[in-house]
Amino acid sequence: MKTIEIKAHLRTGTGKKDSKNLRSENNVPCVMYGGEEIVHFYTHENNFKPLIYTPNVYIIEFDIDGKKYKATLQDIQFQPVTDRITHMDFKQVFEDKPVVMNIPIKVVGDSVGIKAGGKLRMKRRTIKVMGVMKDLPDMLEIDVTSLEIGMSIKIHDLSWENLEILDPPRAMVVAIITSRMAAKDSALPEDEIEEVTEETGAEEVEATEEN
């Protein structure tokens, strides 16, 4: 699992006025829980750019006034007008305790269905798993080589060593659909696509899942 190092400072106050003063200096108020005590801290917003504006996921190694912590990002809040970060929540993690993370998916293999003219449809871009840090990969590879048109891979079809998958077993991950159904999907509003998938049979569901 990739890591990123960020230096930060403990907060001397936790009220609204203190948060406002921090933001006025382009700092981000943060909180970290999951350890022996809740840690309130802050750091400059630029330190979070490599963490947020990327498809990768990271274990964050914080240096907060000389004390080291490892954590995962749990929640982030943005100012609705300026889109600047206003607050972030983190959960402290430990080497010997299971960690829950959404790991990005990497599709591998040359699908026979795509060779036959089908289109790849990805229902989700990440999968939620639990495992100790040493077993967490940067990406979860899914081999679609054997998928023909009309076939799909769901959560219950997948497994990785030393990882527990936490997403619903019947949730679809990827499917190979016809070009005609791909065009139909792109012409439908998102809410209508969802309605179709709920009311049709399994074969049709696979063909109408959205990207």
N, C-alpha and C. Protein backbone atom coordinates (compact mmCIF):
# COMPACT_ATOMS: atom_id res chain seq x y z
N MET A 1 0.84 -1.20 0.00
CA MET A 1 0.00 0.00 0.00
C MET A 1 0.88 1.25 0.00
N LYS A 2 0.55 2.19 -0.89
CA LYS A 2 1.29 3.45 -0.96
C LYS A 2 1.10 4.25 0.32
N THR A 3 2.13 5.00 0.68
CA THR A 3 2.04 5.89 1.84
C THR A 3 2.41 7.31 1.42
N ILE A 4 1.92 8.27 2.16
CA ILE A 4 2.25 9.67 1.92
C ILE A 4 2.52 10.31 3.28
N GLU A 5 3.58 11.12 3.37
CA GLU A 5 3.96 11.75 4.62
C GLU A 5 3.47 13.19 4.66
N ILE A 6 2.86 13.57 5.78
CA ILE A 6 2.34 14.93 5.95
C ILE A 6 2.71 15.44 7.34
N LYS A 7 3.31 16.63 7.39
CA LYS A 7 3.61 17.27 8.66
C LYS A 7 2.45 18.17 9.08
N ALA A 8 2.14 18.14 10.36
CA ALA A 8 0.99 18.90 10.87
C ALA A 8 1.29 19.39 12.28
N HIS A 9 0.32 20.15 12.83
CA HIS A 9 0.50 20.74 14.16
C HIS A 9 -0.77 20.54 14.98
N LEU A 10 -0.60 20.34 16.28
CA LEU A 10 -1.74 20.22 17.18
C LEU A 10 -2.47 21.55 17.27
N ARG A 11 -3.78 21.47 17.39
CA ARG A 11 -4.58 22.68 17.56
C ARG A 11 -4.59 23.10 19.02
N THR A 12 -4.54 24.41 19.24
CA THR A 12 -4.62 24.92 20.60
C THR A 12 -6.07 25.17 21.01
N GLY A 13 -6.97 25.24 20.04
CA GLY A 13 -8.39 25.41 20.31
C GLY A 13 -9.19 24.65 19.27
N THR A 14 -10.46 24.37 19.59
CA THR A 14 -11.28 23.58 18.66
C THR A 14 -12.62 24.23 18.33
N GLY A 15 -12.79 25.47 18.69
CA GLY A 15 -14.06 26.14 18.43
C GLY A 15 -14.16 26.69 17.02
N LYS A 16 -15.31 27.26 16.70
CA LYS A 16 -15.56 27.80 15.36
C LYS A 16 -14.62 28.96 15.04
N LYS A 17 -14.35 29.79 16.04
CA LYS A 17 -13.47 30.94 15.81
C LYS A 17 -12.06 30.47 15.46
N ASP A 18 -11.59 29.46 16.19
CA ASP A 18 -10.25 28.92 15.93
C ASP A 18 -10.19 28.31 14.53
N SER A 19 -11.24 27.56 14.14
CA SER A 19 -11.28 26.96 12.80
C SER A 19 -11.28 28.03 11.72
N LYS A 20 -12.03 29.10 11.97
CA LYS A 20 -12.09 30.19 11.00
C LYS A 20 -10.73 30.84 10.82
N ASN A 21 -10.01 31.03 11.93
CA ASN A 21 -8.68 31.64 11.85
C ASN A 21 -7.70 30.74 11.08
N LEU A 22 -7.81 29.43 11.30
CA LEU A 22 -6.94 28.49 10.58
C LEU A 22 -7.21 28.55 9.09
N ARG A 23 -8.47 28.56 8.71
CA ARG A 23 -8.83 28.59 7.28
C ARG A 23 -8.39 29.89 6.63
N SER A 24 -8.42 30.99 7.39
CA SER A 24 -8.01 32.28 6.83
C SER A 24 -6.53 32.28 6.46
N GLU A 25 -5.77 31.34 7.05
CA GLU A 25 -4.35 31.21 6.74
C GLU A 25 -4.09 30.00 5.83
N ASN A 26 -5.15 29.55 5.18
CA ASN A 26 -5.09 28.42 4.23
C ASN A 26 -4.71 27.10 4.90
N ASN A 27 -5.04 26.98 6.17
CA ASN A 27 -4.86 25.72 6.88
C ASN A 27 -6.18 24.95 6.93
N VAL A 28 -6.08 23.64 7.12
CA VAL A 28 -7.27 22.79 7.19
C VAL A 28 -7.40 22.19 8.58
N PRO A 29 -8.49 22.48 9.31
CA PRO A 29 -8.73 21.82 10.60
C PRO A 29 -9.02 20.33 10.37
N CYS A 30 -8.40 19.49 11.19
CA CYS A 30 -8.56 18.04 11.03
C CYS A 30 -8.79 17.38 12.39
N VAL A 31 -9.36 16.18 12.34
CA VAL A 31 -9.51 15.38 13.55
C VAL A 31 -9.16 13.94 13.21
N MET A 32 -8.49 13.26 14.14
CA MET A 32 -8.14 11.86 13.95
C MET A 32 -8.63 11.07 15.16
N TYR A 33 -9.39 10.02 14.89
CA TYR A 33 -9.90 9.18 15.95
C TYR A 33 -9.46 7.73 15.70
N GLY A 34 -9.78 6.85 16.65
CA GLY A 34 -9.43 5.45 16.50
C GLY A 34 -8.28 5.01 17.39
N GLY A 35 -7.59 5.96 17.99
CA GLY A 35 -6.49 5.63 18.90
C GLY A 35 -6.93 5.78 20.35
N GLU A 36 -5.96 5.96 21.23
CA GLU A 36 -6.28 6.10 22.65
C GLU A 36 -6.99 7.42 22.94
N GLU A 37 -6.76 8.42 22.11
CA GLU A 37 -7.42 9.70 22.29
C GLU A 37 -7.67 10.35 20.92
N ILE A 38 -8.65 11.23 20.88
CA ILE A 38 -8.94 11.98 19.66
C ILE A 38 -7.90 13.07 19.50
N VAL A 39 -7.36 13.21 18.29
CA VAL A 39 -6.31 14.19 18.02
C VAL A 39 -6.86 15.27 17.10
N HIS A 40 -6.84 16.52 17.57
CA HIS A 40 -7.23 17.67 16.77
C HIS A 40 -5.97 18.36 16.26
N PHE A 41 -5.87 18.54 14.96
CA PHE A 41 -4.65 19.11 14.39
C PHE A 41 -4.98 19.90 13.12
N TYR A 42 -3.94 20.49 12.53
CA TYR A 42 -4.15 21.23 11.28
C TYR A 42 -2.87 21.18 10.45
N THR A 43 -3.02 21.43 9.17
CA THR A 43 -1.88 21.56 8.27
C THR A 43 -2.32 22.39 7.07
N HIS A 44 -1.35 22.88 6.31
CA HIS A 44 -1.67 23.72 5.16
C HIS A 44 -2.40 22.91 4.10
N GLU A 45 -3.37 23.53 3.44
CA GLU A 45 -4.18 22.83 2.45
C GLU A 45 -3.36 22.23 1.31
N ASN A 46 -2.23 22.85 0.97
CA ASN A 46 -1.40 22.34 -0.12
C ASN A 46 -0.83 20.95 0.18
N ASN A 47 -0.69 20.63 1.47
CA ASN A 47 -0.14 19.32 1.84
C ASN A 47 -1.07 18.17 1.48
N PHE A 48 -2.35 18.49 1.25
CA PHE A 48 -3.31 17.44 0.95
C PHE A 48 -3.53 17.23 -0.55
N LYS A 49 -2.95 18.06 -1.38
CA LYS A 49 -3.18 17.92 -2.82
C LYS A 49 -2.77 16.56 -3.36
N PRO A 50 -1.60 16.02 -2.98
CA PRO A 50 -1.22 14.69 -3.50
C PRO A 50 -2.14 13.58 -3.01
N LEU A 51 -2.85 13.82 -1.91
CA LEU A 51 -3.73 12.82 -1.34
C LEU A 51 -5.11 12.82 -1.98
N ILE A 52 -5.60 14.01 -2.33
CA ILE A 52 -6.98 14.15 -2.79
C ILE A 52 -7.12 14.06 -4.30
N TYR A 53 -6.26 14.75 -5.01
CA TYR A 53 -6.42 14.84 -6.45
C TYR A 53 -5.68 13.71 -7.17
N THR A 54 -6.08 12.48 -6.85
CA THR A 54 -5.47 11.29 -7.42
C THR A 54 -6.43 10.12 -7.29
N PRO A 55 -6.40 9.16 -8.21
CA PRO A 55 -7.24 7.97 -8.07
C PRO A 55 -6.66 6.97 -7.07
N ASN A 56 -5.42 7.19 -6.62
CA ASN A 56 -4.77 6.26 -5.71
C ASN A 56 -5.31 6.43 -4.29
N VAL A 57 -5.12 5.39 -3.47
CA VAL A 57 -5.43 5.48 -2.05
C VAL A 57 -4.14 5.32 -1.27
N TYR A 58 -4.09 5.94 -0.10
CA TYR A 58 -2.85 5.97 0.66
C TYR A 58 -3.08 5.70 2.14
N ILE A 59 -2.06 5.16 2.78
CA ILE A 59 -1.93 5.24 4.22
C ILE A 59 -1.17 6.54 4.48
N ILE A 60 -1.74 7.42 5.31
CA ILE A 60 -1.09 8.70 5.58
C ILE A 60 -0.22 8.57 6.83
N GLU A 61 1.03 8.96 6.72
CA GLU A 61 1.94 8.99 7.85
C GLU A 61 2.06 10.43 8.33
N PHE A 62 1.37 10.74 9.41
CA PHE A 62 1.38 12.09 9.96
C PHE A 62 2.55 12.27 10.95
N ASP A 63 3.19 13.41 10.85
CA ASP A 63 4.13 13.87 11.86
C ASP A 63 3.49 15.10 12.48
N ILE A 64 2.88 14.93 13.66
CA ILE A 64 2.17 16.02 14.30
C ILE A 64 3.01 16.52 15.47
N ASP A 65 3.72 17.61 15.23
CA ASP A 65 4.63 18.18 16.22
C ASP A 65 5.59 17.13 16.76
N GLY A 66 6.11 16.29 15.87
CA GLY A 66 7.12 15.31 16.26
C GLY A 66 6.59 13.95 16.64
N LYS A 67 5.27 13.81 16.83
CA LYS A 67 4.69 12.52 17.17
C LYS A 67 4.11 11.88 15.90
N LYS A 68 4.42 10.59 15.69
CA LYS A 68 4.05 9.93 14.45
C LYS A 68 2.74 9.14 14.60
N TYR A 69 1.93 9.22 13.55
CA TYR A 69 0.68 8.47 13.48
C TYR A 69 0.52 7.94 12.05
N LYS A 70 -0.17 6.82 11.93
CA LYS A 70 -0.61 6.33 10.63
C LYS A 70 -2.13 6.37 10.61
N ALA A 71 -2.69 6.79 9.46
CA ALA A 71 -4.14 6.99 9.41
C ALA A 71 -4.65 6.81 7.99
N THR A 72 -5.97 6.66 7.89
CA THR A 72 -6.65 6.64 6.59
C THR A 72 -7.68 7.77 6.56
N LEU A 73 -7.90 8.31 5.38
CA LEU A 73 -8.89 9.38 5.21
C LEU A 73 -10.30 8.80 5.32
N GLN A 74 -11.13 9.42 6.15
CA GLN A 74 -12.50 8.96 6.34
C GLN A 74 -13.53 9.90 5.73
N ASP A 75 -13.29 11.20 5.83
CA ASP A 75 -14.27 12.15 5.32
C ASP A 75 -13.58 13.47 5.00
N ILE A 76 -14.11 14.14 4.00
CA ILE A 76 -13.57 15.44 3.60
C ILE A 76 -14.72 16.37 3.26
N GLN A 77 -14.63 17.60 3.71
CA GLN A 77 -15.67 18.59 3.46
C GLN A 77 -15.09 19.75 2.65
N PHE A 78 -15.89 20.22 1.69
CA PHE A 78 -15.46 21.32 0.83
C PHE A 78 -16.40 22.51 0.99
N GLN A 79 -15.84 23.70 0.79
CA GLN A 79 -16.66 24.91 0.74
C GLN A 79 -17.42 24.88 -0.59
N PRO A 80 -18.76 24.96 -0.57
CA PRO A 80 -19.54 24.75 -1.80
C PRO A 80 -19.30 25.77 -2.91
N VAL A 81 -18.86 26.98 -2.58
CA VAL A 81 -18.66 28.01 -3.60
C VAL A 81 -17.22 27.97 -4.14
N THR A 82 -16.25 27.96 -3.23
CA THR A 82 -14.84 28.00 -3.66
C THR A 82 -14.25 26.62 -3.89
N ASP A 83 -14.89 25.57 -3.37
CA ASP A 83 -14.42 24.18 -3.48
C ASP A 83 -13.12 23.96 -2.72
N ARG A 84 -12.82 24.83 -1.78
CA ARG A 84 -11.64 24.63 -0.94
C ARG A 84 -11.99 23.68 0.20
N ILE A 85 -10.98 22.98 0.70
CA ILE A 85 -11.19 22.03 1.79
C ILE A 85 -11.46 22.81 3.09
N THR A 86 -12.51 22.41 3.80
CA THR A 86 -12.84 23.08 5.06
C THR A 86 -12.58 22.20 6.28
N HIS A 87 -12.61 20.89 6.11
CA HIS A 87 -12.40 20.00 7.25
C HIS A 87 -12.12 18.58 6.75
N MET A 88 -11.29 17.83 7.52
CA MET A 88 -11.01 16.44 7.15
C MET A 88 -11.00 15.57 8.39
N ASP A 89 -11.54 14.35 8.24
CA ASP A 89 -11.54 13.36 9.31
C ASP A 89 -10.63 12.20 8.92
N PHE A 90 -9.87 11.71 9.90
CA PHE A 90 -8.98 10.58 9.68
C PHE A 90 -9.19 9.54 10.77
N LYS A 91 -8.86 8.30 10.44
CA LYS A 91 -8.91 7.22 11.43
C LYS A 91 -7.51 6.65 11.61
N GLN A 92 -7.06 6.62 12.85
CA GLN A 92 -5.73 6.08 13.12
C GLN A 92 -5.72 4.57 12.89
N VAL A 93 -4.66 4.07 12.28
CA VAL A 93 -4.54 2.64 12.00
C VAL A 93 -3.23 2.12 12.58
N PHE A 94 -3.19 0.79 12.75
CA PHE A 94 -2.04 0.15 13.38
C PHE A 94 -1.61 -1.05 12.55
N GLU A 95 -0.32 -1.36 12.60
CA GLU A 95 0.24 -2.42 11.77
C GLU A 95 -0.43 -3.77 12.01
N ASP A 96 -0.81 -4.06 13.26
CA ASP A 96 -1.30 -5.38 13.61
C ASP A 96 -2.82 -5.47 13.71
N LYS A 97 -3.52 -4.40 13.30
CA LYS A 97 -4.98 -4.41 13.37
C LYS A 97 -5.58 -4.24 11.98
N PRO A 98 -6.71 -4.92 11.70
CA PRO A 98 -7.33 -4.82 10.37
C PRO A 98 -7.73 -3.38 10.04
N VAL A 99 -7.57 -3.05 8.76
CA VAL A 99 -7.92 -1.73 8.23
C VAL A 99 -8.99 -1.90 7.17
N VAL A 100 -9.98 -1.03 7.16
CA VAL A 100 -11.02 -1.04 6.12
C VAL A 100 -10.71 0.07 5.12
N MET A 101 -10.60 -0.30 3.84
CA MET A 101 -10.29 0.69 2.81
C MET A 101 -11.00 0.37 1.51
N ASN A 102 -11.29 1.41 0.73
CA ASN A 102 -11.81 1.25 -0.62
C ASN A 102 -10.63 1.24 -1.58
N ILE A 103 -10.31 0.08 -2.14
CA ILE A 103 -9.15 -0.08 -3.00
C ILE A 103 -9.58 0.02 -4.47
N PRO A 104 -8.86 0.80 -5.28
CA PRO A 104 -9.21 0.92 -6.71
C PRO A 104 -9.11 -0.42 -7.45
N ILE A 105 -9.95 -0.56 -8.46
CA ILE A 105 -9.97 -1.76 -9.31
C ILE A 105 -9.10 -1.52 -10.54
N LYS A 106 -8.38 -2.56 -10.93
CA LYS A 106 -7.64 -2.55 -12.19
C LYS A 106 -8.08 -3.75 -13.02
N VAL A 107 -8.69 -3.48 -14.17
CA VAL A 107 -9.15 -4.55 -15.05
C VAL A 107 -7.98 -5.01 -15.92
N VAL A 108 -7.76 -6.33 -15.95
CA VAL A 108 -6.68 -6.89 -16.76
C VAL A 108 -7.27 -7.98 -17.66
N GLY A 109 -6.55 -8.29 -18.73
CA GLY A 109 -6.98 -9.34 -19.64
C GLY A 109 -7.69 -8.78 -20.85
N ASP A 110 -7.66 -9.54 -21.93
CA ASP A 110 -8.29 -9.16 -23.20
C ASP A 110 -9.57 -9.97 -23.36
N SER A 111 -10.69 -9.39 -22.99
CA SER A 111 -11.97 -10.10 -22.96
C SER A 111 -12.37 -10.63 -24.34
N VAL A 112 -12.84 -11.89 -24.38
CA VAL A 112 -13.32 -12.46 -25.65
C VAL A 112 -14.58 -11.72 -26.11
N GLY A 113 -15.35 -11.20 -25.15
CA GLY A 113 -16.54 -10.44 -25.50
C GLY A 113 -16.21 -9.12 -26.18
N ILE A 114 -15.15 -8.47 -25.71
CA ILE A 114 -14.73 -7.21 -26.34
C ILE A 114 -14.18 -7.50 -27.74
N LYS A 115 -13.46 -8.60 -27.88
CA LYS A 115 -12.96 -8.98 -29.20
C LYS A 115 -14.10 -9.21 -30.19
N ALA A 116 -15.25 -9.65 -29.64
CA ALA A 116 -16.41 -9.93 -30.49
C ALA A 116 -17.27 -8.69 -30.73
N GLY A 117 -16.82 -7.54 -30.24
CA GLY A 117 -17.55 -6.29 -30.48
C GLY A 117 -18.29 -5.74 -29.28
N GLY A 118 -18.15 -6.39 -28.11
CA GLY A 118 -18.82 -5.91 -26.91
C GLY A 118 -18.10 -4.73 -26.28
N LYS A 119 -18.74 -4.15 -25.29
CA LYS A 119 -18.19 -2.99 -24.59
C LYS A 119 -18.07 -3.32 -23.10
N LEU A 120 -16.98 -2.85 -22.50
CA LEU A 120 -16.78 -3.04 -21.07
C LEU A 120 -17.56 -2.00 -20.29
N ARG A 121 -18.33 -2.45 -19.31
CA ARG A 121 -19.04 -1.54 -18.42
C ARG A 121 -18.60 -1.81 -16.99
N MET A 122 -18.11 -0.75 -16.32
CA MET A 122 -17.68 -0.87 -14.93
C MET A 122 -18.73 -0.24 -14.02
N LYS A 123 -19.30 -1.06 -13.14
CA LYS A 123 -20.31 -0.58 -12.21
C LYS A 123 -19.69 0.17 -11.04
N ARG A 124 -18.48 -0.24 -10.66
CA ARG A 124 -17.80 0.42 -9.55
C ARG A 124 -16.32 0.53 -9.84
N ARG A 125 -15.68 1.53 -9.23
CA ARG A 125 -14.25 1.78 -9.44
C ARG A 125 -13.41 1.32 -8.26
N THR A 126 -14.04 1.04 -7.14
CA THR A 126 -13.33 0.58 -5.95
C THR A 126 -14.09 -0.56 -5.30
N ILE A 127 -13.40 -1.32 -4.48
CA ILE A 127 -14.02 -2.38 -3.69
C ILE A 127 -13.58 -2.19 -2.24
N LYS A 128 -14.54 -2.29 -1.32
CA LYS A 128 -14.23 -2.13 0.10
C LYS A 128 -13.73 -3.46 0.66
N VAL A 129 -12.53 -3.42 1.23
CA VAL A 129 -11.94 -4.63 1.80
C VAL A 129 -11.41 -4.34 3.19
N MET A 130 -11.16 -5.43 3.93
CA MET A 130 -10.56 -5.31 5.26
C MET A 130 -9.36 -6.25 5.34
N GLY A 131 -8.26 -5.75 5.87
CA GLY A 131 -7.05 -6.55 6.04
C GLY A 131 -6.01 -5.74 6.78
N VAL A 132 -4.96 -6.41 7.23
CA VAL A 132 -3.87 -5.67 7.89
C VAL A 132 -3.08 -4.93 6.83
N MET A 133 -2.38 -3.89 7.24
CA MET A 133 -1.74 -2.97 6.29
C MET A 133 -0.78 -3.67 5.33
N LYS A 134 -0.04 -4.66 5.82
CA LYS A 134 0.95 -5.30 4.97
C LYS A 134 0.31 -6.08 3.81
N ASP A 135 -0.98 -6.41 3.95
CA ASP A 135 -1.66 -7.19 2.91
C ASP A 135 -2.50 -6.32 1.97
N LEU A 136 -2.57 -5.02 2.22
CA LEU A 136 -3.39 -4.15 1.39
C LEU A 136 -2.64 -3.77 0.11
N PRO A 137 -3.18 -4.10 -1.06
CA PRO A 137 -2.50 -3.76 -2.32
C PRO A 137 -2.84 -2.35 -2.78
N ASP A 138 -2.07 -1.85 -3.73
CA ASP A 138 -2.37 -0.55 -4.34
C ASP A 138 -3.60 -0.64 -5.23
N MET A 139 -3.77 -1.79 -5.89
CA MET A 139 -4.89 -2.02 -6.81
C MET A 139 -5.39 -3.45 -6.63
N LEU A 140 -6.67 -3.66 -6.91
CA LEU A 140 -7.25 -5.00 -6.94
C LEU A 140 -7.47 -5.39 -8.40
N GLU A 141 -6.72 -6.37 -8.88
CA GLU A 141 -6.82 -6.77 -10.27
C GLU A 141 -7.99 -7.72 -10.50
N ILE A 142 -8.73 -7.46 -11.58
CA ILE A 142 -9.84 -8.31 -11.98
C ILE A 142 -9.62 -8.74 -13.42
N ASP A 143 -9.50 -10.04 -13.63
CA ASP A 143 -9.22 -10.59 -14.95
C ASP A 143 -10.54 -10.82 -15.70
N VAL A 144 -10.69 -10.15 -16.85
CA VAL A 144 -11.93 -10.26 -17.63
C VAL A 144 -11.73 -11.09 -18.90
N THR A 145 -10.61 -11.81 -19.00
CA THR A 145 -10.28 -12.54 -20.23
C THR A 145 -11.40 -13.44 -20.69
N SER A 146 -12.03 -14.17 -19.78
CA SER A 146 -13.03 -15.18 -20.15
C SER A 146 -14.44 -14.62 -20.32
N LEU A 147 -14.63 -13.33 -20.09
CA LEU A 147 -15.98 -12.76 -20.16
C LEU A 147 -16.44 -12.61 -21.61
N GLU A 148 -17.60 -13.21 -21.90
CA GLU A 148 -18.23 -13.05 -23.20
C GLU A 148 -19.32 -11.98 -23.10
N ILE A 149 -19.87 -11.59 -24.24
CA ILE A 149 -20.96 -10.61 -24.25
C ILE A 149 -22.12 -11.13 -23.41
N GLY A 150 -22.64 -10.29 -22.52
CA GLY A 150 -23.73 -10.68 -21.65
C GLY A 150 -23.28 -11.25 -20.32
N MET A 151 -21.98 -11.45 -20.14
CA MET A 151 -21.46 -11.99 -18.88
C MET A 151 -20.96 -10.86 -17.98
N SER A 152 -20.90 -11.14 -16.69
CA SER A 152 -20.47 -10.12 -15.73
C SER A 152 -19.71 -10.76 -14.59
N ILE A 153 -19.06 -9.92 -13.81
CA ILE A 153 -18.40 -10.34 -12.57
C ILE A 153 -19.03 -9.58 -11.42
N LYS A 154 -19.46 -10.32 -10.40
CA LYS A 154 -20.05 -9.70 -9.22
C LYS A 154 -19.12 -9.92 -8.03
N ILE A 155 -19.44 -9.25 -6.94
CA ILE A 155 -18.59 -9.32 -5.76
C ILE A 155 -18.38 -10.76 -5.30
N HIS A 156 -19.43 -11.58 -5.33
CA HIS A 156 -19.29 -12.95 -4.85
C HIS A 156 -18.41 -13.82 -5.74
N ASP A 157 -18.04 -13.32 -6.92
CA ASP A 157 -17.13 -14.05 -7.81
C ASP A 157 -15.66 -13.77 -7.49
N LEU A 158 -15.41 -12.84 -6.60
CA LEU A 158 -14.05 -12.36 -6.36
C LEU A 158 -13.50 -12.81 -5.01
N SER A 159 -12.19 -12.93 -4.95
CA SER A 159 -11.51 -13.19 -3.68
C SER A 159 -10.04 -12.83 -3.83
N TRP A 160 -9.46 -12.37 -2.73
CA TRP A 160 -8.03 -12.07 -2.69
C TRP A 160 -7.48 -12.59 -1.38
N GLU A 161 -6.27 -13.10 -1.43
CA GLU A 161 -5.66 -13.71 -0.25
C GLU A 161 -5.50 -12.69 0.87
N ASN A 162 -5.91 -13.09 2.07
CA ASN A 162 -5.76 -12.31 3.30
C ASN A 162 -6.63 -11.05 3.33
N LEU A 163 -7.60 -10.94 2.40
CA LEU A 163 -8.50 -9.79 2.40
C LEU A 163 -9.95 -10.26 2.52
N GLU A 164 -10.72 -9.54 3.32
CA GLU A 164 -12.17 -9.80 3.42
C GLU A 164 -12.90 -8.71 2.64
N ILE A 165 -13.75 -9.12 1.70
CA ILE A 165 -14.51 -8.16 0.91
C ILE A 165 -15.78 -7.79 1.68
N LEU A 166 -16.04 -6.49 1.80
CA LEU A 166 -17.16 -6.00 2.61
C LEU A 166 -18.34 -5.51 1.79
N ASP A 167 -18.19 -5.41 0.47
CA ASP A 167 -19.31 -4.97 -0.37
C ASP A 167 -20.34 -6.08 -0.49
N PRO A 168 -21.61 -5.74 -0.83
CA PRO A 168 -22.68 -6.75 -0.98
C PRO A 168 -22.31 -7.80 -2.02
N PRO A 169 -22.48 -9.09 -1.70
CA PRO A 169 -22.06 -10.17 -2.60
C PRO A 169 -22.66 -10.10 -4.00
N ARG A 170 -23.91 -9.63 -4.12
CA ARG A 170 -24.57 -9.61 -5.43
C ARG A 170 -24.29 -8.35 -6.25
N ALA A 171 -23.53 -7.43 -5.67
CA ALA A 171 -23.24 -6.18 -6.39
C ALA A 171 -22.37 -6.46 -7.61
N MET A 172 -22.75 -5.86 -8.75
CA MET A 172 -22.00 -6.05 -9.97
C MET A 172 -20.76 -5.16 -9.99
N VAL A 173 -19.69 -5.70 -10.56
CA VAL A 173 -18.44 -4.95 -10.65
C VAL A 173 -18.17 -4.56 -12.10
N VAL A 174 -18.11 -5.55 -13.00
CA VAL A 174 -17.90 -5.27 -14.43
C VAL A 174 -18.81 -6.18 -15.25
N ALA A 175 -19.10 -5.75 -16.48
CA ALA A 175 -19.91 -6.55 -17.40
C ALA A 175 -19.48 -6.24 -18.83
N ILE A 176 -19.75 -7.18 -19.72
CA ILE A 176 -19.53 -6.98 -21.15
C ILE A 176 -20.90 -6.90 -21.81
N ILE A 177 -21.20 -5.77 -22.42
CA ILE A 177 -22.50 -5.58 -23.05
C ILE A 177 -22.33 -5.33 -24.54
N THR A 178 -23.43 -5.41 -25.27
CA THR A 178 -23.37 -5.17 -26.71
C THR A 178 -23.24 -3.69 -27.00
N SER A 179 -22.77 -3.35 -28.17
CA SER A 179 -22.66 -1.95 -28.58
C SER A 179 -24.03 -1.29 -28.59
N ARG A 180 -25.05 -2.04 -28.95
CA ARG A 180 -26.41 -1.50 -28.99
C ARG A 180 -26.86 -1.11 -27.59
N MET A 181 -26.61 -1.96 -26.60
CA MET A 181 -27.00 -1.64 -25.23
C MET A 181 -26.16 -0.50 -24.67
N ALA A 182 -24.88 -0.40 -25.09
CA ALA A 182 -24.04 0.71 -24.65
C ALA A 182 -24.62 2.03 -25.13
N ALA A 183 -25.09 2.06 -26.38
CA ALA A 183 -25.71 3.26 -26.93
C ALA A 183 -27.00 3.58 -26.20
N LYS A 184 -27.76 2.53 -25.87
CA LYS A 184 -29.02 2.72 -25.14
C LYS A 184 -28.74 3.31 -23.76
N ASP A 185 -27.71 2.78 -23.07
CA ASP A 185 -27.35 3.31 -21.75
C ASP A 185 -27.02 4.79 -21.81
N SER A 186 -26.23 5.19 -22.80
CA SER A 186 -25.77 6.57 -22.88
C SER A 186 -26.91 7.53 -23.18
N ALA A 187 -28.02 7.01 -23.74
CA ALA A 187 -29.15 7.86 -24.08
C ALA A 187 -30.14 7.99 -22.93
N LEU A 188 -29.99 7.17 -21.87
CA LEU A 188 -30.92 7.19 -20.75
C LEU A 188 -30.39 8.05 -19.62
N PRO A 189 -31.30 8.79 -18.94
CA PRO A 189 -30.88 9.49 -17.74
C PRO A 189 -30.50 8.47 -16.66
N GLU A 190 -29.64 8.89 -15.73
CA GLU A 190 -29.14 7.98 -14.72
C GLU A 190 -30.23 7.32 -13.92
N ASP A 191 -31.27 8.09 -13.48
CA ASP A 191 -32.32 7.51 -12.66
C ASP A 191 -33.15 6.49 -13.44
N GLU A 192 -33.29 6.68 -14.75
CA GLU A 192 -34.05 5.74 -15.56
C GLU A 192 -33.28 4.44 -15.74
N ILE A 193 -31.96 4.54 -15.85
CA ILE A 193 -31.14 3.33 -15.97
C ILE A 193 -31.28 2.51 -14.70
N GLU A 194 -31.25 3.15 -13.54
CA GLU A 194 -31.39 2.43 -12.29
C GLU A 194 -32.73 1.73 -12.21
N GLU A 195 -33.80 2.41 -12.69
CA GLU A 195 -35.14 1.84 -12.65
C GLU A 195 -35.23 0.60 -13.53
N VAL A 196 -34.62 0.67 -14.70
CA VAL A 196 -34.63 -0.46 -15.61
C VAL A 196 -33.93 -1.66 -14.98
N THR A 197 -32.77 -1.43 -14.35
CA THR A 197 -32.02 -2.55 -13.79
C THR A 197 -32.76 -3.21 -12.65
N GLU A 198 -33.60 -2.50 -11.94
CA GLU A 198 -34.32 -3.09 -10.83
C GLU A 198 -35.51 -3.93 -11.29
N GLU A 199 -36.06 -3.63 -12.45
CA GLU A 199 -37.29 -4.28 -12.86
C GLU A 199 -37.08 -5.39 -13.89
N THR A 200 -35.88 -5.55 -14.42
CA THR A 200 -35.64 -6.54 -15.44
C THR A 200 -34.95 -7.76 -14.88
N GLY A 201 -34.82 -8.81 -15.68
CA GLY A 201 -34.19 -10.05 -15.26
C GLY A 201 -32.69 -9.92 -15.22
N ALA A 202 -32.04 -11.01 -14.76
CA ALA A 202 -30.60 -10.98 -14.55
C ALA A 202 -29.84 -10.68 -15.82
N GLU A 203 -30.24 -11.29 -16.93
CA GLU A 203 -29.50 -11.09 -18.18
C GLU A 203 -29.61 -9.65 -18.62
N GLU A 204 -30.79 -9.04 -18.45
CA GLU A 204 -30.96 -7.67 -18.89
C GLU A 204 -30.29 -6.70 -17.95
N VAL A 205 -30.24 -7.06 -16.65
CA VAL A 205 -29.56 -6.22 -15.68
C VAL A 205 -28.11 -6.04 -16.09
N GLU A 206 -27.48 -7.14 -16.48
CA GLU A 206 -26.08 -7.09 -16.86
C GLU A 206 -25.87 -6.17 -18.06
N ALA A 207 -26.86 -6.10 -18.92
CA ALA A 207 -26.72 -5.30 -20.14
C ALA A 207 -27.03 -3.84 -19.91
N THR A 208 -27.70 -3.51 -18.79
CA THR A 208 -28.11 -2.11 -18.62
C THR A 208 -27.44 -1.44 -17.44
N GLU A 209 -26.49 -2.11 -16.80
CA GLU A 209 -25.80 -1.46 -15.72
C GLU A 209 -25.06 -0.23 -16.25
N GLU A 210 -25.07 0.83 -15.47
CA GLU A 210 -24.43 2.07 -15.92
C GLU A 210 -22.94 2.00 -15.68
N ASN A 211 -22.24 2.97 -16.30
CA ASN A 211 -20.79 3.06 -16.14
C ASN A 211 -20.47 3.53 -14.74
